[in-house]
Amino acid sequence: GLDPIDSLVELRSAHDGGDTAAGLDAYTGETIDMAEEGVYE
């Protein structure tokens, strides 16, 4: 239920800054470090 464009822009910005583990928290809508959150595949 989030805005896909806003979410994608934030993710691109985080990865441009060198955060390779930046992912989308589907519960809060925030861009967070997925490795720290323990979300692995």
PDB file of all heavy atoms in Angstrom:
ATOM      1  N   GLY A   1       0.803  -1.222   0.000  1.00  0.00           N
ATOM      2  CA  GLY A   1       0.000   0.000   0.000  1.00  0.00           C
ATOM      3  C   GLY A   1       0.829   1.262   0.000  1.00  0.00           C
ATOM      4  O   GLY A   1       0.345   2.334   0.394  1.00  0.00           O
ATOM      5  N   LEU A   2       2.093   1.169  -0.441  1.00  0.00           N
ATOM      6  CA  LEU A   2       2.991   2.321  -0.457  1.00  0.00           C
ATOM      7  C   LEU A   2       3.092   2.882  -1.872  1.00  0.00           C
ATOM      8  O   LEU A   2       2.706   2.228  -2.848  1.00  0.00           O
ATOM      9  CB  LEU A   2       4.382   1.915   0.043  1.00  0.00           C
ATOM     10  CG  LEU A   2       4.432   1.232   1.415  1.00  0.00           C
ATOM     11  CD1 LEU A   2       5.834   0.682   1.677  1.00  0.00           C
ATOM     12  CD2 LEU A   2       4.035   2.215   2.513  1.00  0.00           C
ATOM     13  N   ASP A   3       3.639   4.081  -1.986  1.00  0.00           N
ATOM     14  CA  ASP A   3       3.855   4.671  -3.299  1.00  0.00           C
ATOM     15  C   ASP A   3       5.106   4.058  -3.904  1.00  0.00           C
ATOM     16  O   ASP A   3       6.210   4.257  -3.381  1.00  0.00           O
ATOM     17  CB  ASP A   3       4.033   6.193  -3.180  1.00  0.00           C
ATOM     18  CG  ASP A   3       4.074   6.868  -4.542  1.00  0.00           C
ATOM     19  OD1 ASP A   3       4.972   6.519  -5.341  1.00  0.00           O
ATOM     20  OD2 ASP A   3       3.223   7.730  -4.810  1.00  0.00           O
ATOM     21  N   PRO A   4       4.992   3.297  -5.004  1.00  0.00           N
ATOM     22  CA  PRO A   4       6.155   2.603  -5.557  1.00  0.00           C
ATOM     23  C   PRO A   4       7.238   3.538  -6.076  1.00  0.00           C
ATOM     24  O   PRO A   4       8.430   3.238  -5.975  1.00  0.00           O
ATOM     25  CB  PRO A   4       5.569   1.749  -6.693  1.00  0.00           C
ATOM     26  CG  PRO A   4       4.275   2.389  -7.031  1.00  0.00           C
ATOM     27  CD  PRO A   4       3.764   3.018  -5.776  1.00  0.00           C
ATOM     28  N   ILE A   5       6.841   4.704  -6.593  1.00  0.00           N
ATOM     29  CA  ILE A   5       7.835   5.635  -7.130  1.00  0.00           C
ATOM     30  C   ILE A   5       8.672   6.230  -6.003  1.00  0.00           C
ATOM     31  O   ILE A   5       9.908   6.261  -6.069  1.00  0.00           O
ATOM     32  CB  ILE A   5       7.140   6.748  -7.945  1.00  0.00           C
ATOM     33  CG1 ILE A   5       6.440   6.142  -9.164  1.00  0.00           C
ATOM     34  CG2 ILE A   5       8.155   7.804  -8.389  1.00  0.00           C
ATOM     35  CD1 ILE A   5       5.650   7.142  -9.975  1.00  0.00           C
ATOM     36  N   ASP A   6       8.005   6.695  -4.941  1.00  0.00           N
ATOM     37  CA  ASP A   6       8.744   7.269  -3.807  1.00  0.00           C
ATOM     38  C   ASP A   6       9.667   6.227  -3.185  1.00  0.00           C
ATOM     39  O   ASP A   6      10.825   6.529  -2.842  1.00  0.00           O
ATOM     40  CB  ASP A   6       7.772   7.787  -2.749  1.00  0.00           C
ATOM     41  CG  ASP A   6       6.988   9.003  -3.237  1.00  0.00           C
ATOM     42  OD1 ASP A   6       7.431   9.603  -4.245  1.00  0.00           O
ATOM     43  OD2 ASP A   6       5.957   9.337  -2.620  1.00  0.00           O
ATOM     44  N   SER A   7       9.161   5.010  -3.024  1.00  0.00           N
ATOM     45  CA  SER A   7       9.962   3.949  -2.414  1.00  0.00           C
ATOM     46  C   SER A   7      11.185   3.633  -3.267  1.00  0.00           C
ATOM     47  O   SER A   7      12.297   3.460  -2.748  1.00  0.00           O
ATOM     48  CB  SER A   7       9.118   2.684  -2.242  1.00  0.00           C
ATOM     49  OG  SER A   7       8.010   2.918  -1.412  1.00  0.00           O
ATOM     50  N   LEU A   8      10.994   3.578  -4.578  1.00  0.00           N
ATOM     51  CA  LEU A   8      12.096   3.242  -5.482  1.00  0.00           C
ATOM     52  C   LEU A   8      13.143   4.349  -5.504  1.00  0.00           C
ATOM     53  O   LEU A   8      14.354   4.075  -5.542  1.00  0.00           O
ATOM     54  CB  LEU A   8      11.543   2.996  -6.891  1.00  0.00           C
ATOM     55  CG  LEU A   8      12.385   2.142  -7.836  1.00  0.00           C
ATOM     56  CD1 LEU A   8      12.778   0.826  -7.185  1.00  0.00           C
ATOM     57  CD2 LEU A   8      11.611   1.871  -9.123  1.00  0.00           C
ATOM     58  N   VAL A   9      12.696   5.593  -5.459  1.00  0.00           N
ATOM     59  CA  VAL A   9      13.641   6.725  -5.439  1.00  0.00           C
ATOM     60  C   VAL A   9      14.502   6.668  -4.181  1.00  0.00           C
ATOM     61  O   VAL A   9      15.728   6.879  -4.230  1.00  0.00           O
ATOM     62  CB  VAL A   9      12.871   8.064  -5.527  1.00  0.00           C
ATOM     63  CG1 VAL A   9      13.806   9.223  -5.204  1.00  0.00           C
ATOM     64  CG2 VAL A   9      12.268   8.235  -6.903  1.00  0.00           C
ATOM     65  N   GLU A  10      13.875   6.408  -3.045  1.00  0.00           N
ATOM     66  CA  GLU A  10      14.633   6.315  -1.789  1.00  0.00           C
ATOM     67  C   GLU A  10      15.624   5.163  -1.822  1.00  0.00           C
ATOM     68  O   GLU A  10      16.768   5.298  -1.357  1.00  0.00           O
ATOM     69  CB  GLU A  10      13.664   6.135  -0.613  1.00  0.00           C
ATOM     70  CG  GLU A  10      12.867   7.377  -0.260  1.00  0.00           C
ATOM     71  CD  GLU A  10      11.990   7.162   0.961  1.00  0.00           C
ATOM     72  OE1 GLU A  10      12.305   6.263   1.773  1.00  0.00           O
ATOM     73  OE2 GLU A  10      10.977   7.871   1.095  1.00  0.00           O
ATOM     74  N   LEU A  11      15.207   4.015  -2.362  1.00  0.00           N
ATOM     75  CA  LEU A  11      16.105   2.872  -2.442  1.00  0.00           C
ATOM     76  C   LEU A  11      17.292   3.163  -3.354  1.00  0.00           C
ATOM     77  O   LEU A  11      18.441   2.849  -3.021  1.00  0.00           O
ATOM     78  CB  LEU A  11      15.337   1.649  -2.972  1.00  0.00           C
ATOM     79  CG  LEU A  11      14.397   0.950  -1.991  1.00  0.00           C
ATOM     80  CD1 LEU A  11      13.546  -0.098  -2.714  1.00  0.00           C
ATOM     81  CD2 LEU A  11      15.186   0.279  -0.873  1.00  0.00           C
ATOM     82  N   ARG A  12      17.029   3.770  -4.504  1.00  0.00           N
ATOM     83  CA  ARG A  12      18.128   4.102  -5.413  1.00  0.00           C
ATOM     84  C   ARG A  12      19.111   5.055  -4.751  1.00  0.00           C
ATOM     85  O   ARG A  12      20.334   4.909  -4.891  1.00  0.00           O
ATOM     86  CB  ARG A  12      17.569   4.745  -6.685  1.00  0.00           C
ATOM     87  CG  ARG A  12      16.923   3.772  -7.657  1.00  0.00           C
ATOM     88  CD  ARG A  12      16.360   4.535  -8.849  1.00  0.00           C
ATOM     89  NE  ARG A  12      15.761   3.663  -9.847  1.00  0.00           N
ATOM     90  CZ  ARG A  12      15.061   4.103 -10.892  1.00  0.00           C
ATOM     91  NH1 ARG A  12      14.883   5.408 -11.061  1.00  0.00           N
ATOM     92  NH2 ARG A  12      14.552   3.261 -11.763  1.00  0.00           N
ATOM     93  N   SER A  13      18.573   6.023  -4.035  1.00  0.00           N
ATOM     94  CA  SER A  13      19.432   6.999  -3.358  1.00  0.00           C
ATOM     95  C   SER A  13      20.325   6.320  -2.331  1.00  0.00           C
ATOM     96  O   SER A  13      21.520   6.616  -2.231  1.00  0.00           O
ATOM     97  CB  SER A  13      18.554   8.066  -2.683  1.00  0.00           C
ATOM     98  OG  SER A  13      19.347   8.970  -1.942  1.00  0.00           O
ATOM     99  N   ALA A  14      19.746   5.398  -1.551  1.00  0.00           N
ATOM    100  CA  ALA A  14      20.533   4.685  -0.528  1.00  0.00           C
ATOM    101  C   ALA A  14      21.629   3.846  -1.172  1.00  0.00           C
ATOM    102  O   ALA A  14      22.763   3.805  -0.687  1.00  0.00           O
ATOM    103  CB  ALA A  14      19.618   3.816   0.319  1.00  0.00           C
ATOM    104  N   HIS A  15      21.319   3.179  -2.270  1.00  0.00           N
ATOM    105  CA  HIS A  15      22.307   2.333  -2.936  1.00  0.00           C
ATOM    106  C   HIS A  15      23.369   3.168  -3.655  1.00  0.00           C
ATOM    107  O   HIS A  15      24.534   2.768  -3.719  1.00  0.00           O
ATOM    108  CB  HIS A  15      21.614   1.388  -3.919  1.00  0.00           C
ATOM    109  CG  HIS A  15      20.965   0.212  -3.260  1.00  0.00           C
ATOM    110  ND1 HIS A  15      21.571  -1.023  -3.141  1.00  0.00           N
ATOM    111  CD2 HIS A  15      19.758   0.084  -2.649  1.00  0.00           C
ATOM    112  CE1 HIS A  15      20.766  -1.846  -2.498  1.00  0.00           C
ATOM    113  NE2 HIS A  15      19.647  -1.207  -2.199  1.00  0.00           N
ATOM    114  N   ASP A  16      22.975   4.323  -4.163  1.00  0.00           N
ATOM    115  CA  ASP A  16      23.961   5.237  -4.748  1.00  0.00           C
ATOM    116  C   ASP A  16      24.968   5.682  -3.693  1.00  0.00           C
ATOM    117  O   ASP A  16      26.137   5.932  -4.003  1.00  0.00           O
ATOM    118  CB  ASP A  16      23.263   6.467  -5.340  1.00  0.00           C
ATOM    119  CG  ASP A  16      22.769   6.209  -6.753  1.00  0.00           C
ATOM    120  OD1 ASP A  16      23.379   5.370  -7.448  1.00  0.00           O
ATOM    121  OD2 ASP A  16      21.770   6.825  -7.170  1.00  0.00           O
ATOM    122  N   GLY A  17      24.492   5.759  -2.452  1.00  0.00           N
ATOM    123  CA  GLY A  17      25.366   6.155  -1.347  1.00  0.00           C
ATOM    124  C   GLY A  17      26.224   5.035  -0.817  1.00  0.00           C
ATOM    125  O   GLY A  17      26.959   5.223   0.160  1.00  0.00           O
ATOM    126  N   GLY A  18      26.107   3.836  -1.408  1.00  0.00           N
ATOM    127  CA  GLY A  18      26.969   2.720  -1.019  1.00  0.00           C
ATOM    128  C   GLY A  18      26.344   1.725  -0.066  1.00  0.00           C
ATOM    129  O   GLY A  18      27.001   0.785   0.378  1.00  0.00           O
ATOM    130  N   ASP A  19      25.064   1.895   0.285  1.00  0.00           N
ATOM    131  CA  ASP A  19      24.393   0.955   1.204  1.00  0.00           C
ATOM    132  C   ASP A  19      23.809  -0.197   0.385  1.00  0.00           C
ATOM    133  O   ASP A  19      22.672  -0.138  -0.077  1.00  0.00           O
ATOM    134  CB  ASP A  19      23.304   1.678   1.988  1.00  0.00           C
ATOM    135  CG  ASP A  19      22.708   0.819   3.105  1.00  0.00           C
ATOM    136  OD1 ASP A  19      23.099  -0.363   3.211  1.00  0.00           O
ATOM    137  OD2 ASP A  19      21.853   1.328   3.853  1.00  0.00           O
ATOM    138  N   THR A  20      24.600  -1.246   0.207  1.00  0.00           N
ATOM    139  CA  THR A  20      24.178  -2.362  -0.660  1.00  0.00           C
ATOM    140  C   THR A  20      23.056  -3.194  -0.057  1.00  0.00           C
ATOM    141  O   THR A  20      22.419  -3.974  -0.760  1.00  0.00           O
ATOM    142  CB  THR A  20      25.367  -3.284  -0.961  1.00  0.00           C
ATOM    143  OG1 THR A  20      25.875  -3.806   0.271  1.00  0.00           O
ATOM    144  CG2 THR A  20      26.480  -2.526  -1.683  1.00  0.00           C
ATOM    145  N   ALA A  21      22.824  -3.058   1.243  1.00  0.00           N
ATOM    146  CA  ALA A  21      21.796  -3.863   1.907  1.00  0.00           C
ATOM    147  C   ALA A  21      20.518  -3.076   2.167  1.00  0.00           C
ATOM    148  O   ALA A  21      19.640  -3.545   2.894  1.00  0.00           O
ATOM    149  CB  ALA A  21      22.323  -4.432   3.223  1.00  0.00           C
ATOM    150  N   ALA A  22      20.393  -1.903   1.575  1.00  0.00           N
ATOM    151  CA  ALA A  22      19.201  -1.072   1.795  1.00  0.00           C
ATOM    152  C   ALA A  22      18.003  -1.696   1.098  1.00  0.00           C
ATOM    153  O   ALA A  22      18.035  -1.943  -0.109  1.00  0.00           O
ATOM    154  CB  ALA A  22      19.441   0.338   1.289  1.00  0.00           C
ATOM    155  N   GLY A  23      16.976  -1.945   1.883  1.00  0.00           N
ATOM    156  CA  GLY A  23      15.766  -2.553   1.342  1.00  0.00           C
ATOM    157  C   GLY A  23      14.529  -1.868   1.874  1.00  0.00           C
ATOM    158  O   GLY A  23      14.606  -0.963   2.718  1.00  0.00           O
ATOM    159  N   LEU A  24      13.380  -2.298   1.402  1.00  0.00           N
ATOM    160  CA  LEU A  24      12.119  -1.667   1.782  1.00  0.00           C
ATOM    161  C   LEU A  24      11.464  -2.421   2.932  1.00  0.00           C
ATOM    162  O   LEU A  24      11.229  -3.633   2.838  1.00  0.00           O
ATOM    163  CB  LEU A  24      11.177  -1.644   0.578  1.00  0.00           C
ATOM    164  CG  LEU A  24       9.784  -1.057   0.813  1.00  0.00           C
ATOM    165  CD1 LEU A  24       9.873   0.437   1.112  1.00  0.00           C
ATOM    166  CD2 LEU A  24       8.876  -1.301  -0.396  1.00  0.00           C
ATOM    167  N   ASP A  25      11.173  -1.712   4.016  1.00  0.00           N
ATOM    168  CA  ASP A  25      10.407  -2.280   5.121  1.00  0.00           C
ATOM    169  C   ASP A  25       8.930  -2.157   4.762  1.00  0.00           C
ATOM    170  O   ASP A  25       8.366  -1.057   4.770  1.00  0.00           O
ATOM    171  CB  ASP A  25      10.713  -1.531   6.424  1.00  0.00           C
ATOM    172  CG  ASP A  25      10.063  -2.192   7.637  1.00  0.00           C
ATOM    173  OD1 ASP A  25       9.037  -2.882   7.458  1.00  0.00           O
ATOM    174  OD2 ASP A  25      10.577  -2.029   8.758  1.00  0.00           O
ATOM    175  N   ALA A  26       8.312  -3.281   4.429  1.00  0.00           N
ATOM    176  CA  ALA A  26       6.925  -3.256   3.959  1.00  0.00           C
ATOM    177  C   ALA A  26       5.951  -2.837   5.058  1.00  0.00           C
ATOM    178  O   ALA A  26       4.819  -2.435   4.763  1.00  0.00           O
ATOM    179  CB  ALA A  26       6.535  -4.630   3.430  1.00  0.00           C
ATOM    180  N   TYR A  27       6.370  -2.913   6.312  1.00  0.00           N
ATOM    181  CA  TYR A  27       5.465  -2.584   7.422  1.00  0.00           C
ATOM    182  C   TYR A  27       5.456  -1.089   7.728  1.00  0.00           C
ATOM    183  O   TYR A  27       4.431  -0.515   8.077  1.00  0.00           O
ATOM    184  CB  TYR A  27       5.850  -3.379   8.664  1.00  0.00           C
ATOM    185  CG  TYR A  27       5.758  -4.880   8.471  1.00  0.00           C
ATOM    186  CD1 TYR A  27       6.899  -5.640   8.239  1.00  0.00           C
ATOM    187  CD2 TYR A  27       4.527  -5.527   8.488  1.00  0.00           C
ATOM    188  CE1 TYR A  27       6.820  -7.010   8.039  1.00  0.00           C
ATOM    189  CE2 TYR A  27       4.430  -6.901   8.293  1.00  0.00           C
ATOM    190  CZ  TYR A  27       5.589  -7.628   8.073  1.00  0.00           C
ATOM    191  OH  TYR A  27       5.512  -8.994   7.859  1.00  0.00           O
ATOM    192  N   THR A  28       6.633  -0.451   7.591  1.00  0.00           N
ATOM    193  CA  THR A  28       6.714   0.976   7.921  1.00  0.00           C
ATOM    194  C   THR A  28       6.865   1.854   6.681  1.00  0.00           C
ATOM    195  O   THR A  28       6.636   3.060   6.746  1.00  0.00           O
ATOM    196  CB  THR A  28       7.920   1.232   8.849  1.00  0.00           C
ATOM    197  OG1 THR A  28       9.136   0.915   8.146  1.00  0.00           O
ATOM    198  CG2 THR A  28       7.830   0.372  10.098  1.00  0.00           C
ATOM    199  N   GLY A  29       7.278   1.257   5.571  1.00  0.00           N
ATOM    200  CA  GLY A  29       7.503   2.028   4.362  1.00  0.00           C
ATOM    201  C   GLY A  29       8.859   2.700   4.308  1.00  0.00           C
ATOM    202  O   GLY A  29       9.166   3.444   3.379  1.00  0.00           O
ATOM    203  N   GLU A  30       9.682   2.469   5.325  1.00  0.00           N
ATOM    204  CA  GLU A  30      10.996   3.107   5.381  1.00  0.00           C
ATOM    205  C   GLU A  30      12.044   2.272   4.660  1.00  0.00           C
ATOM    206  O   GLU A  30      11.890   1.056   4.487  1.00  0.00           O
ATOM    207  CB  GLU A  30      11.425   3.315   6.846  1.00  0.00           C
ATOM    208  CG  GLU A  30      10.486   4.240   7.624  1.00  0.00           C
ATOM    209  CD  GLU A  30      10.880   4.328   9.092  1.00  0.00           C
ATOM    210  OE1 GLU A  30      11.846   3.628   9.484  1.00  0.00           O
ATOM    211  OE2 GLU A  30      10.222   5.067   9.843  1.00  0.00           O
ATOM    212  N   THR A  31      13.128   2.925   4.265  1.00  0.00           N
ATOM    213  CA  THR A  31      14.276   2.238   3.685  1.00  0.00           C
ATOM    214  C   THR A  31      15.248   1.923   4.818  1.00  0.00           C
ATOM    215  O   THR A  31      15.739   2.837   5.494  1.00  0.00           O
ATOM    216  CB  THR A  31      14.968   3.122   2.626  1.00  0.00           C
ATOM    217  OG1 THR A  31      14.046   3.368   1.560  1.00  0.00           O
ATOM    218  CG2 THR A  31      16.198   2.427   2.073  1.00  0.00           C
ATOM    219  N   ILE A  32      15.498   0.642   5.056  1.00  0.00           N
ATOM    220  CA  ILE A  32      16.335   0.234   6.187  1.00  0.00           C
ATOM    221  C   ILE A  32      17.404  -0.744   5.715  1.00  0.00           C
ATOM    222  O   ILE A  32      17.350  -1.257   4.599  1.00  0.00           O
ATOM    223  CB  ILE A  32      15.484  -0.438   7.294  1.00  0.00           C
ATOM    224  CG1 ILE A  32      14.789  -1.694   6.743  1.00  0.00           C
ATOM    225  CG2 ILE A  32      14.471   0.531   7.867  1.00  0.00           C
ATOM    226  CD1 ILE A  32      14.068  -2.495   7.808  1.00  0.00           C
ATOM    227  N   ASP A  33      18.379  -0.985   6.592  1.00  0.00           N
ATOM    228  CA  ASP A  33      19.428  -1.956   6.305  1.00  0.00           C
ATOM    229  C   ASP A  33      18.880  -3.357   6.591  1.00  0.00           C
ATOM    230  O   ASP A  33      18.645  -3.714   7.748  1.00  0.00           O
ATOM    231  CB  ASP A  33      20.658  -1.678   7.171  1.00  0.00           C
ATOM    232  CG  ASP A  33      21.862  -2.520   6.748  1.00  0.00           C
ATOM    233  OD1 ASP A  33      21.702  -3.752   6.616  1.00  0.00           O
ATOM    234  OD2 ASP A  33      22.955  -1.957   6.559  1.00  0.00           O
ATOM    235  N   MET A  34      18.654  -4.131   5.547  1.00  0.00           N
ATOM    236  CA  MET A  34      18.032  -5.444   5.707  1.00  0.00           C
ATOM    237  C   MET A  34      18.941  -6.438   6.429  1.00  0.00           C
ATOM    238  O   MET A  34      18.450  -7.349   7.102  1.00  0.00           O
ATOM    239  CB  MET A  34      17.652  -5.997   4.328  1.00  0.00           C
ATOM    240  CG  MET A  34      16.429  -5.327   3.734  1.00  0.00           C
ATOM    241  SD  MET A  34      14.960  -5.700   4.697  1.00  0.00           S
ATOM    242  CE  MET A  34      13.814  -4.460   4.092  1.00  0.00           C
ATOM    243  N   ALA A  35      20.250  -6.287   6.304  1.00  0.00           N
ATOM    244  CA  ALA A  35      21.169  -7.179   7.006  1.00  0.00           C
ATOM    245  C   ALA A  35      21.051  -6.973   8.511  1.00  0.00           C
ATOM    246  O   ALA A  35      21.038  -7.939   9.292  1.00  0.00           O
ATOM    247  CB  ALA A  35      22.599  -6.933   6.535  1.00  0.00           C
ATOM    248  N   GLU A  36      20.956  -5.708   8.925  1.00  0.00           N
ATOM    249  CA  GLU A  36      20.790  -5.428  10.363  1.00  0.00           C
ATOM    250  C   GLU A  36      19.433  -5.910  10.857  1.00  0.00           C
ATOM    251  O   GLU A  36      19.287  -6.329  12.004  1.00  0.00           O
ATOM    252  CB  GLU A  36      20.944  -3.929  10.622  1.00  0.00           C
ATOM    253  CG  GLU A  36      22.364  -3.404  10.437  1.00  0.00           C
ATOM    254  CD  GLU A  36      22.463  -1.920  10.752  1.00  0.00           C
ATOM    255  OE1 GLU A  36      21.428  -1.336  11.163  1.00  0.00           O
ATOM    256  OE2 GLU A  36      23.561  -1.347  10.589  1.00  0.00           O
ATOM    257  N   GLU A  37      18.451  -5.847   9.984  1.00  0.00           N
ATOM    258  CA  GLU A  37      17.097  -6.280  10.362  1.00  0.00           C
ATOM    259  C   GLU A  37      16.969  -7.802  10.371  1.00  0.00           C
ATOM    260  O   GLU A  37      16.004  -8.353  10.897  1.00  0.00           O
ATOM    261  CB  GLU A  37      16.090  -5.670   9.380  1.00  0.00           C
ATOM    262  CG  GLU A  37      14.639  -5.763   9.796  1.00  0.00           C
ATOM    263  CD  GLU A  37      14.312  -4.903  11.012  1.00  0.00           C
ATOM    264  OE1 GLU A  37      15.083  -3.983  11.320  1.00  0.00           O
ATOM    265  OE2 GLU A  37      13.280  -5.168  11.654  1.00  0.00           O
ATOM    266  N   GLY A  38      17.949  -8.484   9.787  1.00  0.00           N
ATOM    267  CA  GLY A  38      17.914  -9.945   9.769  1.00  0.00           C
ATOM    268  C   GLY A  38      17.049 -10.529   8.667  1.00  0.00           C
ATOM    269  O   GLY A  38      16.504 -11.627   8.803  1.00  0.00           O
ATOM    270  N   VAL A  39      16.893  -9.788   7.558  1.00  0.00           N
ATOM    271  CA  VAL A  39      16.119 -10.290   6.417  1.00  0.00           C
ATOM    272  C   VAL A  39      17.112 -10.780   5.367  1.00  0.00           C
ATOM    273  O   VAL A  39      17.747  -9.978   4.681  1.00  0.00           O
ATOM    274  CB  VAL A  39      15.208  -9.194   5.829  1.00  0.00           C
ATOM    275  CG1 VAL A  39      14.435  -9.736   4.626  1.00  0.00           C
ATOM    276  CG2 VAL A  39      14.250  -8.681   6.895  1.00  0.00           C
ATOM    277  N   TYR A  40      17.248 -12.094   5.270  1.00  0.00           N
ATOM    278  CA  TYR A  40      18.233 -12.693   4.359  1.00  0.00           C
ATOM    279  C   TYR A  40      17.555 -13.695   3.427  1.00  0.00           C
ATOM    280  O   TYR A  40      16.543 -14.309   3.781  1.00  0.00           O
ATOM    281  CB  TYR A  40      19.322 -13.429   5.141  1.00  0.00           C
ATOM    282  CG  TYR A  40      20.222 -12.552   5.974  1.00  0.00           C
ATOM    283  CD1 TYR A  40      20.097 -12.505   7.361  1.00  0.00           C
ATOM    284  CD2 TYR A  40      21.221 -11.786   5.375  1.00  0.00           C
ATOM    285  CE1 TYR A  40      20.928 -11.723   8.132  1.00  0.00           C
ATOM    286  CE2 TYR A  40      22.063 -11.005   6.142  1.00  0.00           C
ATOM    287  CZ  TYR A  40      21.911 -10.965   7.518  1.00  0.00           C
ATOM    288  OH  TYR A  40      22.750 -10.188   8.274  1.00  0.00           O
ATOM    289  N   GLU A  41      18.160 -13.861   2.270  1.00  0.00           N
ATOM    290  CA  GLU A  41      17.760 -14.910   1.336  1.00  0.00           C
ATOM    291  C   GLU A  41      19.024 -15.579   0.804  1.00  0.00           C
ATOM    292  O   GLU A  41      20.053 -14.921   0.647  1.00  0.00           O
ATOM    293  CB  GLU A  41      16.970 -14.315   0.165  1.00  0.00           C
ATOM    294  CG  GLU A  41      15.650 -13.691   0.555  1.00  0.00           C
ATOM    295  CD  GLU A  41      14.918 -13.127  -0.655  1.00  0.00           C
ATOM    296  OE1 GLU A  41      14.275 -13.910  -1.381  1.00  0.00           O
ATOM    297  OE2 GLU A  41      15.003 -11.914  -0.885  1.00  0.00           O
TER     298      GLU A  41
END
